[in-house]
Amino acid sequence: MLNANGFILHEDDNIAVIATGFKDASTNSKTGAMVQIYIILRHESPMDGVISGADVAICGNCVHRAKYVDGVMVPGSRRCYVNLSRGARAVHACYARGGYRRLNRSEIASVFSGLLVRFGAYGDPAMMPEWLVAAIATAAAGRTGYTHKWETATWLRPYVMASCDSAADAVRAIAAGWRYFRVAAFGDASKLAREISCPASAEAGKRTTCSDCRLCNGSSAIDRRKSIVIQDHSLIARSNPLIQIGG
């Protein structure tokens, strides 16, 4: 039986792009009610993909992936905020049993019309086809999204934020024309120039949700809006503090 809450948007040999939240709104208290776009491995569960390292096909060079020594994952080294035991696992399980209908390209505009969309509930939107990101962003009423591949996937700049993990990253992103979303160490309340704390974060008092805020929606050619910083909110943020790579 097909799941009316989600659709397959794209498939290739290794990955599938799934959108969920069309019938049942997301219960994520930070993002609010947004359609969630997952980029998943087709032939491995999310956790198996982390263990094997195959998640590089959906996460690219993200520094928050697990670390590996001689091809073996280092336990506790993954610091991604995505809890794989929840949404990503359920989405993959539904996909594996044939539970989602594949949308035709001609349907994208009407299906996403007027909706709020979160690119990359799991996975990097740089792994999606450019036409698909553009079509969704054009049809939707609003969006959020982030990419660690901002130095190469420059076509994403109008749609999502550069994911930065240090002051040095932020400087390079600005120079390249991006607005960015920087992850600071847990407890680090300092800000760089032209940064504000994520309004939906714990340190900012959770004043709003991503669905209402929508500041993380990319950069225009003459964008004067500030970039965003948030303290590390991964599962191991307190026990294994983030090292600010490169700065």
Protein backbone atom coordinates (compact mmCIF):
# COMPACT_ATOMS: atom_id res chain seq x y z
CA MET A 1 0.00 0.00 0.00
CA LEU A 2 1.39 3.39 -1.01
CA ASN A 3 2.16 5.98 1.66
CA ALA A 4 0.32 9.21 0.79
CA ASN A 5 2.61 11.18 3.11
CA GLY A 6 5.63 11.00 0.80
CA PHE A 7 6.92 10.73 -2.76
CA ILE A 8 10.06 9.65 -4.59
CA LEU A 9 11.49 12.68 -6.39
CA HIS A 10 14.63 11.17 -7.93
CA GLU A 11 16.60 7.92 -8.11
CA ASP A 12 19.96 6.95 -9.54
CA ASP A 13 22.11 3.86 -9.05
CA ASN A 14 23.03 4.75 -5.45
CA ILE A 15 20.64 7.27 -3.94
CA ALA A 16 16.98 8.19 -3.75
CA VAL A 17 15.48 11.58 -2.94
CA ILE A 18 12.29 11.33 -0.89
CA ALA A 19 9.96 14.11 0.26
CA THR A 20 7.67 13.53 3.24
CA GLY A 21 5.18 15.54 5.26
CA PHE A 22 2.46 16.10 2.66
CA LYS A 23 -0.29 14.50 4.74
CA ASP A 24 1.13 14.33 8.27
CA ALA A 25 3.13 17.40 9.27
CA SER A 26 6.62 16.96 10.67
CA THR A 27 6.76 16.70 14.46
CA ASN A 28 10.20 18.36 14.58
CA SER A 29 9.72 21.12 17.15
CA LYS A 30 12.60 23.21 15.78
CA THR A 31 11.70 23.17 12.10
CA GLY A 32 7.93 23.23 12.45
CA ALA A 33 5.57 21.97 9.76
CA MET A 34 7.71 21.74 6.63
CA VAL A 35 7.96 19.16 3.88
CA GLN A 36 11.13 17.24 4.69
CA ILE A 37 13.47 16.15 1.89
CA TYR A 38 15.62 13.10 2.61
CA ILE A 39 18.52 11.93 0.48
CA ILE A 40 19.03 8.26 1.28
CA LEU A 41 21.04 5.30 0.08
CA ARG A 42 18.92 2.99 -2.03
CA HIS A 43 20.49 -0.30 -1.00
CA GLU A 44 21.61 0.24 2.62
CA SER A 45 19.78 1.50 5.67
CA PRO A 46 21.00 4.84 7.04
CA MET A 47 22.84 3.20 9.95
CA ASP A 48 24.43 0.53 7.74
CA GLY A 49 25.57 3.31 5.40
CA VAL A 50 27.29 5.10 8.28
CA ILE A 51 29.02 1.92 9.41
CA SER A 52 30.23 1.05 5.91
CA GLY A 53 31.12 4.60 4.91
CA ALA A 54 28.74 4.45 1.95
CA ASP A 55 26.96 7.54 3.32
CA VAL A 56 29.62 9.60 1.52
CA ALA A 57 27.29 9.31 -1.49
CA ILE A 58 24.64 11.38 0.31
CA CYS A 59 26.69 13.46 2.76
CA GLY A 60 29.80 14.20 0.73
CA ASN A 61 32.68 15.76 2.65
CA CYS A 62 30.68 16.77 5.72
CA VAL A 63 33.03 16.95 8.73
CA HIS A 64 30.27 15.62 10.97
CA ARG A 65 30.31 12.19 9.35
CA ALA A 66 31.88 9.30 11.24
CA LYS A 67 35.65 8.84 11.03
CA TYR A 68 37.28 5.65 9.76
CA VAL A 69 40.61 3.95 10.39
CA ASP A 70 41.64 1.31 7.85
CA GLY A 71 38.07 1.28 6.61
CA VAL A 72 36.58 0.67 10.06
CA MET A 73 34.31 3.25 11.67
CA VAL A 74 35.63 4.82 14.87
CA PRO A 75 32.84 4.36 17.47
CA GLY A 76 31.38 7.63 18.73
CA SER A 77 33.05 9.72 16.03
CA ARG A 78 29.85 10.67 14.18
CA ARG A 79 28.53 14.01 15.38
CA CYS A 80 25.77 14.72 12.87
CA TYR A 81 22.60 16.19 14.42
CA VAL A 82 20.42 13.71 12.49
CA ASN A 83 19.19 10.90 14.74
CA LEU A 84 19.17 7.96 12.34
CA SER A 85 16.90 5.88 14.57
CA ARG A 86 14.00 8.17 13.78
CA GLY A 87 12.95 9.85 10.51
CA ALA A 88 15.68 8.63 8.17
CA ARG A 89 15.25 5.00 9.22
CA ALA A 90 11.48 5.14 8.77
CA VAL A 91 11.77 6.81 5.37
CA HIS A 92 14.27 4.23 4.14
CA ALA A 93 12.15 1.35 5.43
CA CYS A 94 9.08 2.67 3.62
CA TYR A 95 11.09 3.20 0.43
CA ALA A 96 12.62 -0.31 0.62
CA ARG A 97 9.19 -1.93 0.76
CA GLY A 98 7.91 0.10 -2.19
CA GLY A 99 5.77 2.41 -0.11
CA TYR A 100 6.25 5.67 -2.02
CA ARG A 101 4.98 6.67 -5.46
CA ARG A 102 7.47 8.17 -7.90
CA LEU A 103 6.52 11.69 -8.99
CA ASN A 104 6.87 12.62 -12.61
CA ARG A 105 8.96 15.68 -13.37
CA SER A 106 5.84 17.45 -14.63
CA GLU A 107 4.17 17.02 -11.23
CA ILE A 108 6.81 18.76 -9.12
CA ALA A 109 5.46 22.30 -9.51
CA SER A 110 1.89 21.45 -8.57
CA VAL A 111 2.78 19.11 -5.69
CA PHE A 112 5.11 21.63 -4.02
CA SER A 113 3.08 24.75 -4.81
CA GLY A 114 2.67 26.99 -1.77
CA LEU A 115 4.41 24.60 0.65
CA LEU A 116 7.34 25.16 3.02
CA VAL A 117 10.29 22.87 2.31
CA ARG A 118 13.36 21.77 4.24
CA PHE A 119 16.14 20.62 1.93
CA GLY A 120 18.29 17.97 3.55
CA ALA A 121 16.40 16.56 6.52
CA TYR A 122 19.10 13.97 5.90
CA GLY A 123 21.79 14.23 3.23
CA ASP A 124 23.31 17.17 1.36
CA PRO A 125 21.14 18.89 -1.29
CA ALA A 126 24.22 19.09 -3.52
CA MET A 127 23.56 15.42 -4.24
CA MET A 128 20.20 16.32 -5.80
CA PRO A 129 19.87 17.23 -9.48
CA GLU A 130 20.07 20.98 -10.03
CA TRP A 131 16.79 21.05 -11.96
CA LEU A 132 14.97 19.38 -9.04
CA VAL A 133 16.20 21.86 -6.41
CA ALA A 134 15.32 24.78 -8.69
CA ALA A 135 11.86 23.40 -9.49
CA ILE A 136 10.99 22.83 -5.82
CA ALA A 137 12.34 26.22 -4.72
CA THR A 138 10.40 28.00 -7.45
CA ALA A 139 7.11 26.30 -6.56
CA ALA A 140 7.40 26.41 -2.77
CA ALA A 141 6.29 29.31 -0.59
CA GLY A 142 9.51 29.11 1.40
CA ARG A 143 12.48 26.87 2.16
CA THR A 144 15.49 26.19 4.33
CA GLY A 145 18.62 24.21 3.49
CA TYR A 146 22.36 23.81 4.01
CA THR A 147 25.30 22.38 2.08
CA HIS A 148 28.83 21.42 3.08
CA LYS A 149 29.72 21.34 -0.60
CA TRP A 150 29.42 25.10 -1.04
CA GLU A 151 32.93 25.49 -2.39
CA THR A 152 32.08 23.36 -5.43
CA ALA A 153 28.26 23.31 -5.70
CA THR A 154 28.01 27.05 -6.34
CA TRP A 155 24.71 26.58 -8.17
CA LEU A 156 23.08 26.04 -4.76
CA ARG A 157 23.90 29.55 -3.52
CA PRO A 158 20.47 31.09 -4.31
CA TYR A 159 18.65 28.25 -2.54
CA VAL A 160 20.52 27.19 0.63
CA MET A 161 23.15 28.26 3.15
CA ALA A 162 26.83 27.36 3.22
CA SER A 163 27.42 25.00 6.17
CA CYS A 164 30.46 26.31 8.04
CA ASP A 165 32.33 24.81 10.98
CA SER A 166 34.85 27.55 11.79
CA ALA A 167 35.55 31.25 11.47
CA ALA A 168 37.88 30.45 8.57
CA ASP A 169 35.05 28.65 6.78
CA ALA A 170 32.80 31.67 7.31
CA VAL A 171 35.34 34.10 5.86
CA ARG A 172 35.76 31.96 2.74
CA ALA A 173 32.01 31.54 2.33
CA ILE A 174 31.36 35.28 2.49
CA ALA A 175 34.15 35.93 -0.01
CA ALA A 176 32.50 33.44 -2.35
CA GLY A 177 29.15 35.24 -2.11
CA TRP A 178 27.36 32.93 0.32
CA ARG A 179 25.38 33.54 3.44
CA TYR A 180 26.26 30.78 5.87
CA PHE A 181 25.09 28.74 8.84
CA ARG A 182 27.97 28.17 11.27
CA VAL A 183 28.10 25.52 13.99
CA ALA A 184 29.95 26.75 17.08
CA ALA A 185 31.11 24.61 19.98
CA PHE A 186 28.52 23.83 22.65
CA GLY A 187 28.48 26.73 25.14
CA ASP A 188 30.28 29.15 22.79
CA ALA A 189 28.06 32.24 22.70
CA SER A 190 30.50 34.44 20.76
CA LYS A 191 29.54 35.77 17.34
CA LEU A 192 31.46 36.87 14.30
CA ALA A 193 30.65 40.10 12.48
CA ARG A 194 27.24 40.03 10.76
CA GLU A 195 26.09 36.90 12.60
CA ILE A 196 22.97 36.30 14.65
CA SER A 197 22.07 33.28 16.75
CA CYS A 198 19.58 30.94 15.13
CA PRO A 199 16.22 32.25 16.41
CA ALA A 200 14.94 28.65 16.75
CA SER A 201 17.92 27.53 18.83
CA ALA A 202 17.95 26.78 22.56
CA GLU A 203 20.49 29.54 23.20
CA ALA A 204 18.18 32.08 21.53
CA GLY A 205 15.22 30.93 23.60
CA LYS A 206 13.51 29.03 20.77
CA ARG A 207 11.70 32.23 19.81
CA THR A 208 10.37 30.79 16.59
CA THR A 209 10.53 27.79 14.27
CA CYS A 210 12.33 27.36 10.96
CA SER A 211 8.98 27.28 9.17
CA ASP A 212 8.17 30.77 10.47
CA CYS A 213 11.70 32.23 10.31
CA ARG A 214 12.99 31.01 6.91
CA LEU A 215 16.21 33.06 7.10
CA CYS A 216 18.20 30.03 5.94
CA ASN A 217 17.05 30.29 2.34
CA GLY A 218 20.23 31.11 0.44
CA SER A 219 21.74 34.32 -0.91
CA SER A 220 20.84 36.87 -3.54
CA ALA A 221 23.35 38.93 -5.50
CA ILE A 222 22.93 41.96 -3.21
CA ASP A 223 21.91 40.17 0.00
CA ARG A 224 22.52 42.23 3.13
CA ARG A 225 20.93 39.80 5.59
CA LYS A 226 23.06 38.37 8.36
CA SER A 227 24.41 34.85 8.55
CA ILE A 228 23.41 32.42 11.28
CA VAL A 229 25.32 30.69 14.09
CA ILE A 230 24.14 27.88 16.34
CA GLN A 231 25.86 26.00 19.12
CA ASP A 232 26.61 22.35 18.42
CA HIS A 233 23.42 20.38 19.07
CA SER A 234 24.59 16.93 18.04
CA LEU A 235 23.99 13.98 20.36
CA ILE A 236 27.61 14.07 21.59
CA ALA A 237 28.03 17.85 21.75
CA ARG A 238 28.75 17.93 25.49
CA SER A 239 30.82 14.78 25.89
CA ASN A 240 32.95 15.35 22.78
CA PRO A 241 33.15 19.12 22.10
CA LEU A 242 33.41 20.30 18.52
CA ILE A 243 36.88 21.36 17.44
CA GLN A 244 36.64 24.45 15.26
CA ILE A 245 38.31 23.10 12.17
CA GLY A 246 40.52 25.58 10.36
CA GLY A 247 40.00 28.48 12.71
